């Protein structure tokens, strides 16, 4: 018979990817995890929003790992560091 009842095989893959993404997000520094994405225009017009473009965020993460980054789990809450 069909061992893939109700899409459980696909669900397992999606759950695994979601878990990996969450573990990775808590292993990078909070400034990357808490980033808000905006357009380049919004970044220039509203600096008080503390937002960044996706490209700048991606470059920051790449630089973090290029400079020896590593895994450092941080579960701090914003405003309560």
Protein backbone atom coordinates (compact mmCIF):
# COMPACT_ATOMS: atom_id res chain seq x y z
CA UNK A 1 0.00 0.00 0.00
CA UNK A 2 0.81 3.67 0.07
CA UNK A 3 3.06 4.42 3.03
CA UNK A 4 2.77 8.20 2.51
CA UNK A 5 -0.46 8.75 4.40
CA UNK A 6 -1.73 12.35 4.29
CA UNK A 7 1.61 13.72 3.03
CA UNK A 8 3.56 12.72 6.14
CA UNK A 9 6.77 12.21 4.14
CA UNK A 10 6.68 15.78 2.82
CA UNK A 11 5.67 17.07 6.24
CA UNK A 12 8.71 15.47 7.82
CA UNK A 13 11.01 17.22 5.34
CA UNK A 14 9.33 20.59 5.91
CA UNK A 15 9.49 20.16 9.70
CA UNK A 16 13.18 19.27 9.48
CA UNK A 17 13.92 22.37 7.40
CA UNK A 18 11.95 24.59 9.78
CA UNK A 19 13.82 23.19 12.79
CA UNK A 20 17.19 23.71 11.11
CA UNK A 21 16.28 27.30 10.23
CA UNK A 22 15.20 28.04 13.81
CA UNK A 23 18.31 26.52 15.36
CA UNK A 24 20.49 28.49 12.92
CA UNK A 25 18.64 31.76 13.62
CA UNK A 26 19.35 31.42 17.36
CA UNK A 27 23.01 30.65 16.69
CA UNK A 28 23.80 33.96 14.93
CA UNK A 29 24.23 37.28 16.78
CA UNK A 30 21.00 39.06 17.84
CA UNK A 31 21.59 42.03 15.55
CA UNK A 32 21.09 39.72 12.56
CA UNK A 33 18.20 37.80 14.08
CA UNK A 34 16.34 41.00 15.01
CA UNK A 35 16.93 42.77 11.70
CA UNK A 36 14.00 44.45 10.01
CA UNK A 37 14.10 44.48 6.23
CA UNK A 38 13.32 47.70 4.34
CA UNK A 39 13.95 49.11 0.90
CA UNK A 40 17.13 51.11 0.30
CA UNK A 41 15.01 54.25 0.13
CA UNK A 42 13.44 53.58 3.55
CA UNK A 43 16.86 52.92 5.08
CA UNK A 44 18.01 56.37 3.94
CA UNK A 45 14.78 58.25 4.71
CA UNK A 46 14.02 56.74 8.13
CA UNK A 47 17.26 55.88 9.96
CA UNK A 48 15.37 55.75 13.26
CA UNK A 49 13.61 52.57 12.07
CA UNK A 50 16.90 50.66 12.41
CA UNK A 51 16.15 48.57 9.35
CA UNK A 52 18.40 47.14 6.67
CA UNK A 53 18.15 45.79 3.15
CA UNK A 54 18.26 42.06 2.63
CA UNK A 55 21.51 42.41 0.69
CA UNK A 56 23.19 44.29 3.54
CA UNK A 57 21.90 41.71 6.04
CA UNK A 58 23.17 38.82 3.91
CA UNK A 59 26.57 40.52 3.56
CA UNK A 60 26.72 41.07 7.33
CA UNK A 61 26.05 37.39 7.98
CA UNK A 62 28.66 36.41 5.37
CA UNK A 63 31.21 38.74 7.00
CA UNK A 64 30.36 37.29 10.42
CA UNK A 65 31.21 33.78 9.24
CA UNK A 66 34.22 34.96 7.19
CA UNK A 67 35.69 36.50 10.35
CA UNK A 68 35.48 33.26 12.29
CA UNK A 69 31.79 33.50 13.30
CA UNK A 70 30.77 30.21 14.76
CA UNK A 71 27.85 29.00 16.81
CA UNK A 72 26.94 30.93 19.94
CA UNK A 73 23.39 30.29 21.12
CA UNK A 74 21.76 33.49 22.42
CA UNK A 75 18.21 33.47 23.73
CA UNK A 76 18.23 37.04 25.06
CA UNK A 77 15.14 39.18 24.80
CA UNK A 78 15.32 42.60 23.15
CA UNK A 79 15.61 45.31 25.77
CA UNK A 80 16.65 42.81 28.43
CA UNK A 81 20.23 42.04 27.37
